């Protein structure tokens, strides 16, 4: 199967540098696979060429959703799986995933009412619901934020997710099970050892350029936008599937709608645009669908994408936006399996797993496509596909295992916030709310026994203090201000430029080193 290395038994592979599974890619799929596999007893190494979740996984629309519009493309299996996963993720990550109510204004010239009602009926019944309420009709009296001509619509439920923090939580879960997580580490070559059921994988530190070799009994390519390129650049073989890179861009504007309600807007091109409450004072608007041919690390929004999003929003709301209202943008590329669709928005969001290798060879399993909502099921399927090579590994467990920050006893956000508030009554409510939504009970790890903001160390602006940054650098692999302000948090929206510079100087001076006080044990409250 493919390229083999001429190295034989003289190769210096030892217990310390040999793993059951090596995962290439530190996005949501890669970290989810690492968490699943390590939790079943496999030794795992994960390598990521940049920061964890720094590409597609932190550039999503921040939604855990069934995908209402996927029903138009008859993707019933994907929608059913995604709908069921909403409820699972609400239970295992209540600090990162929360219910959100969506309003769909009815535009009869775009989709007839019977079509929307049928879709919402399927949305409610394709998978069991325990937490989220069913869809319903709504009427507008012309006094709300929508244009007066829009008189009726529909309300249904999906979920919000902190996408980048979900990546970190899975990486932490993997580490807790013994996995080794290596950021800023690129896979530059992977070969099968001659006459050995092992992969020899050359890894390079992207900062120093230093390279070393590790060995693995199985290799998983979960590199997202780079999945096909890995075959050309590291594996020296053709990719079994083509990948189409579809750019999705978002804009952030001052809060357009005062309520915590989200909107899903139809457009004449049959695409939809979300308007989501974001970071207390802002609205998040997206996304676009545009073919992309460049480096996934260098993707950015185009002027025509900004114009497109503004036009859709202005067609629905009385409050009109201009480019001057845009305070921030971000873009990412979705690595979708090439199904030869001519319309980028019609390309399947489902995933395909390609397994290469027989019982005498070390396997290679590649992930093509996928979406954040179904990452856990994807990871579960990946590890199960490898069972022939690891027959003694444990059973699937992630559907009921809380991610770091939650416990089986404290498995809802209200309970987590109540716990933090009782332990730290002197801290500002907005700070504890952010901590409960970002870290859950893990906030105790850096707050320790501190009882006032004066004890939190240097203040960098907003609710960001030194003890939190130390924790992010020591326990969450943060190395740059972007890691802290745009992925581990969204405080980049709230800090002034001089505050960001102060943080950068502080981080550069410390380089990730420094101690922290030991906090109280995380309580197992009923």
Protein backbone atom coordinates (compact mmCIF):
# COMPACT_ATOMS: atom_id res chain seq x y z
CA UNK A 1 0.00 0.00 0.00
CA UNK A 2 1.79 3.11 -1.22
CA UNK A 3 5.30 4.24 -0.40
CA UNK A 4 7.41 2.12 1.92
CA UNK A 5 10.55 3.15 3.78
CA UNK A 6 13.72 1.14 3.31
CA UNK A 7 14.45 1.35 7.04
CA UNK A 8 14.13 -2.03 8.80
CA UNK A 9 14.67 -3.37 12.30
CA UNK A 10 17.78 -1.22 12.73
CA UNK A 11 15.50 1.81 12.96
CA UNK A 12 15.53 3.32 16.45
CA UNK A 13 11.89 2.99 17.37
CA UNK A 14 11.32 2.51 21.09
CA UNK A 15 8.40 2.49 23.47
CA UNK A 16 8.92 6.19 24.15
CA UNK A 17 8.61 7.26 20.52
CA UNK A 18 6.12 4.68 19.26
CA UNK A 19 2.37 5.24 19.47
CA UNK A 20 -0.69 3.23 18.64
CA UNK A 21 -2.20 6.16 16.76
CA UNK A 22 -0.79 9.34 15.25
CA UNK A 23 -3.38 11.97 14.32
CA UNK A 24 -2.45 14.68 11.81
CA UNK A 25 -4.55 17.78 12.41
CA UNK A 26 -5.57 19.69 15.53
CA UNK A 27 -9.03 20.86 14.52
CA UNK A 28 -12.29 19.57 15.94
CA UNK A 29 -12.10 16.25 14.09
CA UNK A 30 -8.48 15.59 15.01
CA UNK A 31 -8.86 16.45 18.68
CA UNK A 32 -12.15 14.53 18.84
CA UNK A 33 -10.45 11.44 17.41
CA UNK A 34 -7.54 11.82 19.85
CA UNK A 35 -9.94 12.10 22.79
CA UNK A 36 -11.95 9.06 21.70
CA UNK A 37 -8.94 6.84 20.95
CA UNK A 38 -6.96 7.74 24.07
CA UNK A 39 -10.06 7.23 26.21
CA UNK A 40 -10.30 3.67 24.88
CA UNK A 41 -6.75 2.92 25.98
CA UNK A 42 -4.71 3.66 22.85
CA UNK A 43 -1.48 5.64 23.05
CA UNK A 44 -1.98 8.72 20.89
CA UNK A 45 0.10 11.55 19.48
CA UNK A 46 -1.59 14.49 17.77
CA UNK A 47 0.38 16.98 15.68
CA UNK A 48 -0.93 20.34 14.47
CA UNK A 49 1.13 22.65 12.24
CA UNK A 50 -0.28 25.83 13.81
CA UNK A 51 -2.44 26.49 16.87
CA UNK A 52 -5.17 24.06 17.83
CA UNK A 53 -8.37 24.96 16.01
CA UNK A 54 -6.67 27.79 14.15
CA UNK A 55 -8.22 27.06 10.74
CA UNK A 56 -11.77 25.92 9.89
CA UNK A 57 -12.69 24.91 13.44
CA UNK A 58 -12.50 28.47 14.80
CA UNK A 59 -14.06 30.12 11.74
CA UNK A 60 -17.50 28.53 11.82
CA UNK A 61 -20.88 30.15 12.39
CA UNK A 62 -20.63 28.90 16.03
CA UNK A 63 -23.66 26.64 15.66
CA UNK A 64 -24.45 23.08 16.64
CA UNK A 65 -27.40 22.48 14.37
CA UNK A 66 -29.19 19.88 12.34
CA UNK A 67 -28.86 21.86 9.15
CA UNK A 68 -32.37 22.85 8.15
CA UNK A 69 -31.46 23.70 4.58
CA UNK A 70 -29.70 20.33 4.08
CA UNK A 71 -33.17 18.79 3.92
CA UNK A 72 -33.62 20.49 0.54
CA UNK A 73 -30.71 18.37 -0.70
CA UNK A 74 -32.22 15.17 0.80
CA UNK A 75 -29.38 14.71 3.28
CA UNK A 76 -31.64 12.98 5.78
CA UNK A 77 -28.93 10.77 7.31
CA UNK A 78 -26.71 13.78 8.03
CA UNK A 79 -29.57 15.85 9.44
CA UNK A 80 -30.79 13.00 11.65
CA UNK A 81 -27.30 12.44 13.05
CA UNK A 82 -26.74 16.16 13.59
CA UNK A 83 -30.10 16.63 15.32
CA UNK A 84 -29.33 13.82 17.74
CA UNK A 85 -25.86 15.21 18.42
CA UNK A 86 -27.32 18.56 19.53
CA UNK A 87 -28.79 16.85 22.58
CA UNK A 88 -25.62 14.86 23.28
CA UNK A 89 -23.39 17.95 23.18
CA UNK A 90 -25.79 19.92 25.37
CA UNK A 91 -25.25 17.25 28.03
CA UNK A 92 -21.51 16.63 27.77
CA UNK A 93 -20.45 20.25 27.18
CA UNK A 94 -23.10 22.48 28.83
CA UNK A 95 -20.53 25.23 29.37
CA UNK A 96 -19.72 25.42 25.65
CA UNK A 97 -23.04 24.55 23.99
CA UNK A 98 -26.34 26.23 24.76
CA UNK A 99 -29.84 26.31 23.26
CA UNK A 100 -30.68 29.17 20.95
CA UNK A 101 -34.05 30.23 19.56
CA UNK A 102 -34.17 31.04 15.84
CA UNK A 103 -36.73 33.12 13.95
CA UNK A 104 -37.23 32.37 10.26
CA UNK A 105 -39.10 35.24 8.56
CA UNK A 106 -41.42 33.93 5.88
CA UNK A 107 -40.75 35.26 2.36
CA UNK A 108 -43.36 33.47 0.19
CA UNK A 109 -41.64 34.38 -3.08
CA UNK A 110 -38.54 32.47 -1.92
CA UNK A 111 -40.01 29.31 -0.35
CA UNK A 112 -43.70 28.48 0.02
CA UNK A 113 -45.10 28.03 3.50
CA UNK A 114 -45.89 24.33 3.00
CA UNK A 115 -42.23 23.65 2.21
CA UNK A 116 -40.99 25.38 5.36
CA UNK A 117 -43.63 23.70 7.53
CA UNK A 118 -42.71 20.31 6.10
CA UNK A 119 -39.03 20.93 6.72
CA UNK A 120 -39.63 22.03 10.31
CA UNK A 121 -41.84 18.98 10.92
CA UNK A 122 -39.00 16.72 9.79
CA UNK A 123 -36.55 18.78 11.85
CA UNK A 124 -38.65 18.11 14.95
CA UNK A 125 -39.16 14.41 14.33
CA UNK A 126 -36.10 12.93 12.58
CA UNK A 127 -34.37 12.47 15.95
CA UNK A 128 -35.61 12.37 19.58
CA UNK A 129 -35.69 15.65 21.51
CA UNK A 130 -35.39 15.93 25.28
CA UNK A 131 -34.18 19.48 25.81
CA UNK A 132 -35.06 21.62 22.81
CA UNK A 133 -38.67 22.74 22.20
CA UNK A 134 -40.55 22.12 18.92
CA UNK A 135 -41.01 24.61 16.10
CA UNK A 136 -44.02 26.94 15.98
CA UNK A 137 -45.55 29.68 13.84
CA UNK A 138 -45.02 33.32 14.81
CA UNK A 139 -46.64 36.58 13.69
CA UNK A 140 -45.09 40.05 13.59
CA UNK A 141 -47.01 43.27 14.21
CA UNK A 142 -44.63 45.58 12.39
CA UNK A 143 -43.17 47.13 15.54
CA UNK A 144 -40.14 44.85 15.87
CA UNK A 145 -36.75 44.87 14.14
CA UNK A 146 -38.04 43.28 10.91
CA UNK A 147 -39.28 45.26 7.96
CA UNK A 148 -43.04 45.97 8.33
CA UNK A 149 -43.84 44.00 5.20
CA UNK A 150 -42.76 40.77 6.91
CA UNK A 151 -45.84 39.67 8.84
CA UNK A 152 -45.26 36.02 9.74
CA UNK A 153 -42.58 33.45 10.22
CA UNK A 154 -41.48 30.42 12.18
CA UNK A 155 -39.56 29.82 15.38
CA UNK A 156 -37.41 26.76 16.04
CA UNK A 157 -34.45 25.75 18.21
CA UNK A 158 -30.83 24.88 17.54
CA UNK A 159 -27.68 25.44 19.57
CA UNK A 160 -24.80 27.87 19.90
CA UNK A 161 -21.25 26.59 20.44
CA UNK A 162 -17.91 28.16 21.25
CA UNK A 163 -16.19 26.31 18.42
CA UNK A 164 -12.54 27.01 19.27
CA UNK A 165 -13.06 26.16 22.94
CA UNK A 166 -14.75 22.90 21.97
CA UNK A 167 -11.48 22.00 20.19
CA UNK A 168 -9.49 22.82 23.33
CA UNK A 169 -11.85 20.80 25.53
CA UNK A 170 -11.34 17.74 23.34
CA UNK A 171 -7.57 18.25 23.35
CA UNK A 172 -7.68 18.45 27.15
CA UNK A 173 -9.77 15.29 27.32
CA UNK A 174 -7.20 13.52 25.13
CA UNK A 175 -4.33 14.77 27.30
CA UNK A 176 -6.17 13.64 30.44
CA UNK A 177 -6.22 10.14 28.93
CA UNK A 178 -2.49 10.26 28.23
CA UNK A 179 -2.36 11.61 24.68
CA UNK A 180 0.53 13.81 23.61
CA UNK A 181 -0.58 17.06 21.95
CA UNK A 182 2.01 18.85 19.80
CA UNK A 183 1.11 22.21 18.27
CA UNK A 184 3.39 24.04 15.80
CA UNK A 185 4.40 20.60 14.52
CA UNK A 186 4.07 19.66 10.86
CA UNK A 187 4.06 16.17 9.38
CA UNK A 188 6.61 16.41 6.57
CA UNK A 189 6.89 12.73 5.62
CA UNK A 190 5.15 9.48 6.50
CA UNK A 191 6.30 6.08 5.22
CA UNK A 192 5.51 2.51 6.07
CA UNK A 193 8.49 0.62 7.44
CA UNK A 194 9.56 -2.22 5.24
CA UNK A 195 8.46 -5.57 6.71
CA UNK A 196 7.01 -3.79 9.75
CA UNK A 197 3.40 -2.89 10.54
CA UNK A 198 4.49 0.61 11.52
CA UNK A 199 4.44 4.11 10.12
CA UNK A 200 7.65 6.15 10.36
CA UNK A 201 6.57 9.79 10.57
CA UNK A 202 8.92 12.74 10.32
CA UNK A 203 7.69 15.74 12.31
CA UNK A 204 9.08 19.27 12.09
CA UNK A 205 8.81 22.08 14.62
CA UNK A 206 7.47 24.97 12.53
CA UNK A 207 9.17 27.53 14.80
CA UNK A 208 12.71 26.12 15.06
CA UNK A 209 12.80 23.92 11.97
CA UNK A 210 14.02 20.96 14.03
CA UNK A 211 12.77 17.57 12.88
CA UNK A 212 12.48 14.16 14.53
CA UNK A 213 10.93 10.80 13.76
CA UNK A 214 8.19 8.98 15.63
CA UNK A 215 6.46 5.70 14.88
CA UNK A 216 2.82 4.71 14.86
CA UNK A 217 0.81 1.54 14.39
CA UNK A 218 -1.94 3.55 12.67
CA UNK A 219 -2.09 6.94 10.99
CA UNK A 220 -5.12 9.24 10.79
CA UNK A 221 -5.20 12.13 8.35
CA UNK A 222 -7.64 14.63 9.88
CA UNK A 223 -5.97 17.72 8.48
CA UNK A 224 -9.13 19.34 7.13
CA UNK A 225 -8.30 21.76 4.30
CA UNK A 226 -4.93 20.05 3.93
CA UNK A 227 -6.33 16.48 3.77
CA UNK A 228 -5.64 16.01 0.05
CA UNK A 229 -2.33 17.89 0.18
CA UNK A 230 -1.00 15.51 2.84
CA UNK A 231 -1.09 12.76 0.23
CA UNK A 232 0.99 14.79 -2.21
CA UNK A 233 3.41 16.37 0.23
CA UNK A 234 3.94 13.79 3.00
CA UNK A 235 2.61 10.44 1.78
CA UNK A 236 3.80 10.63 -1.84
CA UNK A 237 0.66 9.01 -3.22
CA UNK A 238 -2.54 10.25 -4.85
CA UNK A 239 -5.46 11.24 -2.67
CA UNK A 240 -8.41 8.83 -2.95
CA UNK A 241 -10.82 11.77 -2.99
CA UNK A 242 -10.84 15.33 -4.16
CA UNK A 243 -11.45 18.13 -1.71
CA UNK A 244 -13.15 21.40 -2.60
CA UNK A 245 -12.31 24.37 -0.46
CA UNK A 246 -15.37 26.54 0.08
CA UNK A 247 -14.76 29.85 1.78
CA UNK A 248 -17.22 31.03 4.39
CA UNK A 249 -16.93 34.59 5.70
CA UNK A 250 -18.58 36.39 8.60
CA UNK A 251 -18.90 40.00 9.69
CA UNK A 252 -19.37 41.34 13.21
CA UNK A 253 -21.34 44.54 13.75
CA UNK A 254 -22.73 46.38 16.80
CA UNK A 255 -25.77 44.58 18.22
CA UNK A 256 -28.52 44.74 15.59
CA UNK A 257 -31.24 43.12 17.68
CA UNK A 258 -31.49 43.70 21.43
CA UNK A 259 -32.93 40.29 22.28
CA UNK A 260 -30.94 37.06 22.52
CA UNK A 261 -32.93 35.72 19.58
CA UNK A 262 -31.18 34.59 16.41
CA UNK A 263 -32.49 35.02 12.88
CA UNK A 264 -32.15 32.83 9.82
CA UNK A 265 -32.70 34.85 6.64
CA UNK A 266 -33.56 33.54 3.19
CA UNK A 267 -32.06 35.07 0.07
CA UNK A 268 -33.00 35.04 -3.60
CA UNK A 269 -30.05 32.74 -4.42
CA UNK A 270 -31.70 30.17 -2.08
CA UNK A 271 -28.88 30.47 0.42
CA UNK A 272 -29.48 31.45 4.02
CA UNK A 273 -27.71 33.95 6.29
CA UNK A 274 -27.64 33.82 10.10
CA UNK A 275 -27.81 36.88 12.35
CA UNK A 276 -26.68 35.78 15.79
CA UNK A 277 -26.33 37.54 19.16
CA UNK A 278 -22.59 37.69 19.85
CA UNK A 279 -20.43 38.68 22.79
CA UNK A 280 -23.10 40.77 24.54
CA UNK A 281 -22.68 43.92 22.41
CA UNK A 282 -22.42 42.54 18.89
CA UNK A 283 -24.20 40.61 16.15
CA UNK A 284 -22.50 37.92 14.09
CA UNK A 285 -23.63 37.72 10.46
CA UNK A 286 -22.76 34.91 8.05
CA UNK A 287 -21.95 32.98 6.12
CA UNK A 288 -20.97 33.05 2.46
CA UNK A 289 -20.18 30.15 0.10
CA UNK A 290 -17.37 30.84 -2.34
CA UNK A 291 -14.86 28.59 -4.09
CA UNK A 292 -11.32 29.08 -2.78
CA UNK A 293 -8.05 28.05 -4.41
CA UNK A 294 -5.38 29.60 -2.18
CA UNK A 295 -3.55 28.72 1.02
CA UNK A 296 -6.15 27.92 3.71
CA UNK A 297 -3.98 29.73 6.26
CA UNK A 298 -4.25 32.99 4.32
CA UNK A 299 -8.00 33.11 3.67
CA UNK A 300 -9.75 36.46 4.14
CA UNK A 301 -13.03 38.17 3.37
CA UNK A 302 -13.60 39.93 0.02
CA UNK A 303 -15.51 43.16 -0.46
CA UNK A 304 -18.21 41.40 -2.44
CA UNK A 305 -18.83 39.06 0.50
CA UNK A 306 -19.31 42.01 2.84
CA UNK A 307 -21.70 43.59 0.34
CA UNK A 308 -23.61 40.32 0.01
CA UNK A 309 -24.12 39.89 3.76
CA UNK A 310 -25.11 43.53 4.27
CA UNK A 311 -27.61 43.36 1.41
CA UNK A 312 -29.35 40.28 2.82
CA UNK A 313 -29.58 41.81 6.31
CA UNK A 314 -30.75 45.21 5.07
CA UNK A 315 -33.46 43.52 3.02
CA UNK A 316 -34.97 42.13 6.25
CA UNK A 317 -34.41 44.70 9.01
CA UNK A 318 -35.43 48.29 9.57
CA UNK A 319 -32.00 49.10 10.97
CA UNK A 320 -29.71 49.55 7.97
CA UNK A 321 -26.03 48.63 8.03
CA UNK A 322 -23.10 49.97 6.03
CA UNK A 323 -19.49 48.86 5.72
CA UNK A 324 -18.57 51.39 8.36
CA UNK A 325 -20.55 49.34 10.88
CA UNK A 326 -18.34 46.29 10.44
CA UNK A 327 -16.01 46.04 13.44
CA UNK A 328 -14.42 42.69 12.67
CA UNK A 329 -14.45 39.93 10.05
CA UNK A 330 -13.22 36.38 9.85
CA UNK A 331 -13.10 33.73 7.15
CA UNK A 332 -12.45 30.03 6.98
CA UNK A 333 -12.48 27.30 4.37
CA UNK A 334 -14.71 24.27 4.59
CA UNK A 335 -12.92 21.18 3.25
CA UNK A 336 -15.83 19.47 1.52
CA UNK A 337 -15.77 16.20 -0.35
CA UNK A 338 -15.88 16.96 -4.07
CA UNK A 339 -19.24 15.60 -5.22
CA UNK A 340 -19.07 17.57 -8.50
CA UNK A 341 -21.89 19.94 -7.49
CA UNK A 342 -21.82 23.14 -9.51
CA UNK A 343 -23.33 25.17 -6.65
CA UNK A 344 -20.92 25.54 -3.68
CA UNK A 345 -23.82 25.73 -1.22
CA UNK A 346 -25.17 22.39 -2.51
CA UNK A 347 -21.97 20.40 -1.85
CA UNK A 348 -22.60 17.79 0.80
CA UNK A 349 -21.56 18.61 4.38
CA UNK A 350 -21.44 14.90 5.19
CA UNK A 351 -18.15 13.15 5.82
CA UNK A 352 -16.39 10.21 4.19
CA UNK A 353 -13.82 7.98 5.90
CA UNK A 354 -11.27 6.33 3.62
CA UNK A 355 -9.40 3.38 5.15
CA UNK A 356 -6.32 2.03 3.37
CA UNK A 357 -4.38 -1.02 4.52
CA UNK A 358 -4.98 -4.68 5.25
CA UNK A 359 -4.25 -6.80 8.29
CA UNK A 360 -0.54 -7.00 7.45
CA UNK A 361 -0.05 -3.26 6.99
CA UNK A 362 -0.25 -0.32 9.30
CA UNK A 363 -3.51 1.41 8.34
CA UNK A 364 -4.05 4.91 7.04
CA UNK A 365 -7.47 6.43 7.66
CA UNK A 366 -8.32 9.77 6.06
CA UNK A 367 -11.21 12.06 6.90
CA UNK A 368 -12.87 14.03 4.12
CA UNK A 369 -15.58 16.59 4.86
CA UNK A 370 -17.61 16.85 8.03
CA UNK A 371 -19.08 19.59 10.22
CA UNK A 372 -18.55 20.61 13.82
CA UNK A 373 -21.95 19.31 14.96
CA UNK A 374 -21.12 15.72 14.07
CA UNK A 375 -17.45 15.71 15.10
CA UNK A 376 -18.08 13.27 18.00
CA UNK A 377 -19.87 10.72 15.82
CA UNK A 378 -17.16 11.08 13.19
CA UNK A 379 -14.45 10.46 15.79
CA UNK A 380 -16.33 7.46 17.14
CA UNK A 381 -16.63 6.01 13.63
CA UNK A 382 -12.92 6.59 12.90
CA UNK A 383 -11.78 4.70 15.99
CA UNK A 384 -14.24 1.86 15.39
CA UNK A 385 -12.90 1.47 11.84
CA UNK A 386 -9.48 0.75 13.38
CA UNK A 387 -10.72 -1.96 15.75
CA UNK A 388 -9.29 -4.80 13.61
CA UNK A 389 -5.82 -3.45 14.39
CA UNK A 390 -6.60 -2.78 18.07
CA UNK A 391 -9.04 -5.56 19.10
CA UNK A 392 -8.50 -5.06 22.83
CA UNK A 393 -9.36 -1.36 22.92
CA UNK A 394 -12.32 -0.27 24.98
CA UNK A 395 -15.87 0.45 23.82
CA UNK A 396 -17.24 3.79 22.73
CA UNK A 397 -17.82 6.13 25.68
CA UNK A 398 -17.93 9.75 24.52
CA UNK A 399 -21.73 10.07 24.27
CA UNK A 400 -21.97 10.10 28.06
CA UNK A 401 -18.55 11.39 29.13
CA UNK A 402 -18.57 15.09 30.12
CA UNK A 403 -15.85 17.16 28.51
CA UNK A 404 -13.40 18.98 30.83
CA UNK A 405 -15.24 21.78 32.60
CA UNK A 406 -18.38 19.76 33.29
CA UNK A 407 -19.10 16.72 35.47
CA UNK A 408 -21.81 14.09 35.54
CA UNK A 409 -23.28 15.89 38.55
CA UNK A 410 -22.92 19.42 37.18
CA UNK A 411 -24.09 18.90 33.62
CA UNK A 412 -25.95 22.15 33.02
CA UNK A 413 -24.79 25.73 32.71
CA UNK A 414 -26.99 27.10 35.48
CA UNK A 415 -25.45 24.70 37.98
CA UNK A 416 -21.92 25.52 36.86
CA UNK A 417 -22.54 29.27 37.15
CA UNK A 418 -24.15 28.80 40.57
CA UNK A 419 -21.12 26.84 41.74
CA UNK A 420 -18.66 29.52 40.59
CA UNK A 421 -20.80 32.29 42.07
CA UNK A 422 -20.91 30.55 45.43
CA UNK A 423 -17.13 30.06 45.45
CA UNK A 424 -16.28 33.56 44.20
CA UNK A 425 -19.06 35.94 45.33
CA UNK A 426 -16.81 39.00 45.15
CA UNK A 427 -16.04 38.73 41.45
CA UNK A 428 -18.07 40.75 38.90
CA UNK A 429 -21.05 38.78 37.53
CA UNK A 430 -19.99 39.41 33.92
CA UNK A 431 -16.59 37.84 34.67
CA UNK A 432 -18.11 34.73 36.21
CA UNK A 433 -20.58 34.46 33.34
CA UNK A 434 -17.70 34.47 30.84
CA UNK A 435 -15.70 31.96 32.87
CA UNK A 436 -18.72 29.67 33.19
CA UNK A 437 -19.28 29.81 29.41
CA UNK A 438 -15.60 29.36 28.53
CA UNK A 439 -14.08 27.07 31.14
CA UNK A 440 -16.94 25.71 33.19
CA UNK A 441 -15.58 24.30 36.45
CA UNK A 442 -12.01 24.49 35.14
CA UNK A 443 -12.07 28.20 36.04
CA UNK A 444 -11.40 27.00 39.59
CA UNK A 445 -7.97 25.89 38.41
CA UNK A 446 -6.75 29.44 37.84
CA UNK A 447 -8.95 31.36 40.25
CA UNK A 448 -7.76 29.19 43.12
CA UNK A 449 -8.47 30.70 46.52
CA UNK A 450 -8.46 34.26 45.23
CA UNK A 451 -11.42 36.36 46.33
CA UNK A 452 -10.83 39.75 44.68
CA UNK A 453 -9.69 41.04 41.31
CA UNK A 454 -6.67 42.59 43.03
CA UNK A 455 -5.39 39.03 43.56
CA UNK A 456 -5.71 38.05 39.90
CA UNK A 457 -2.46 39.70 38.82
CA UNK A 458 -1.89 42.22 36.05
CA UNK A 459 -5.06 43.53 34.41
CA UNK A 460 -4.91 43.54 30.61
CA UNK A 461 -8.36 45.02 29.96
CA UNK A 462 -12.00 43.94 30.09
CA UNK A 463 -12.16 40.85 32.35
CA UNK A 464 -8.71 39.50 31.38
CA UNK A 465 -6.14 39.13 34.15
CA UNK A 466 -2.73 37.59 34.53
CA UNK A 467 -3.80 34.38 36.27
CA UNK A 468 -6.09 33.47 33.36
CA UNK A 469 -3.38 34.11 30.78
CA UNK A 470 -0.91 32.00 32.75
CA UNK A 471 -3.43 29.18 32.78
CA UNK A 472 -4.00 29.47 29.02
CA UNK A 473 -0.28 29.34 28.33
CA UNK A 474 0.43 26.47 30.70
CA UNK A 475 -2.67 24.33 30.28
CA UNK A 476 -4.25 25.26 26.95
CA UNK A 477 -1.26 25.52 24.60
CA UNK A 478 -1.64 29.32 24.06
CA UNK A 479 1.48 31.06 22.75
CA UNK A 480 0.34 34.27 21.04
CA UNK A 481 -2.11 37.08 21.67
CA UNK A 482 -4.31 35.74 18.87
CA UNK A 483 -4.46 32.41 20.67
CA UNK A 484 -5.67 34.17 23.82
CA UNK A 485 -7.88 36.92 22.37
CA UNK A 486 -9.50 35.26 19.36
CA UNK A 487 -9.55 31.51 20.00
CA UNK A 488 -9.34 30.80 23.77
CA UNK A 489 -11.62 33.84 24.18
CA UNK A 490 -13.19 36.55 22.01
CA UNK A 491 -11.75 39.36 24.11
CA UNK A 492 -10.11 40.78 21.00
CA UNK A 493 -13.44 42.54 20.47
CA UNK A 494 -13.20 44.22 23.87
CA UNK A 495 -9.54 45.21 24.30
CA UNK A 496 -7.99 48.44 23.03
CA UNK A 497 -4.83 48.29 20.85
CA UNK A 498 -2.58 49.44 23.69
CA UNK A 499 -4.02 46.72 25.93
CA UNK A 500 -3.25 44.10 23.29
CA UNK A 501 0.32 45.41 23.08
CA UNK A 502 0.66 45.15 26.85
CA UNK A 503 -0.51 41.56 26.75
CA UNK A 504 1.89 40.75 23.93
CA UNK A 505 4.86 42.15 25.86
CA UNK A 506 3.86 40.21 28.95
CA UNK A 507 3.52 36.94 27.04
CA UNK A 508 6.82 37.42 25.20
CA UNK A 509 8.64 38.08 28.47
CA UNK A 510 7.32 34.92 30.07
CA UNK A 511 7.28 32.56 27.15
CA UNK A 512 4.67 30.33 28.74
CA UNK A 513 6.48 29.86 32.04
CA UNK A 514 5.25 30.77 35.52
CA UNK A 515 3.49 29.20 38.47
CA UNK A 516 -0.07 29.36 39.60
CA UNK A 517 -1.83 28.84 42.91
CA UNK A 518 -3.51 25.51 43.52
CA UNK A 519 -7.27 25.90 43.68
CA UNK A 520 -9.82 23.96 45.69
CA UNK A 521 -10.98 20.59 44.46
CA UNK A 522 -13.77 20.75 41.88
CA UNK A 523 -16.89 19.82 43.84
CA UNK A 524 -19.07 16.92 42.81
CA UNK A 525 -22.35 18.67 43.54
CA UNK A 526 -25.65 16.87 43.05
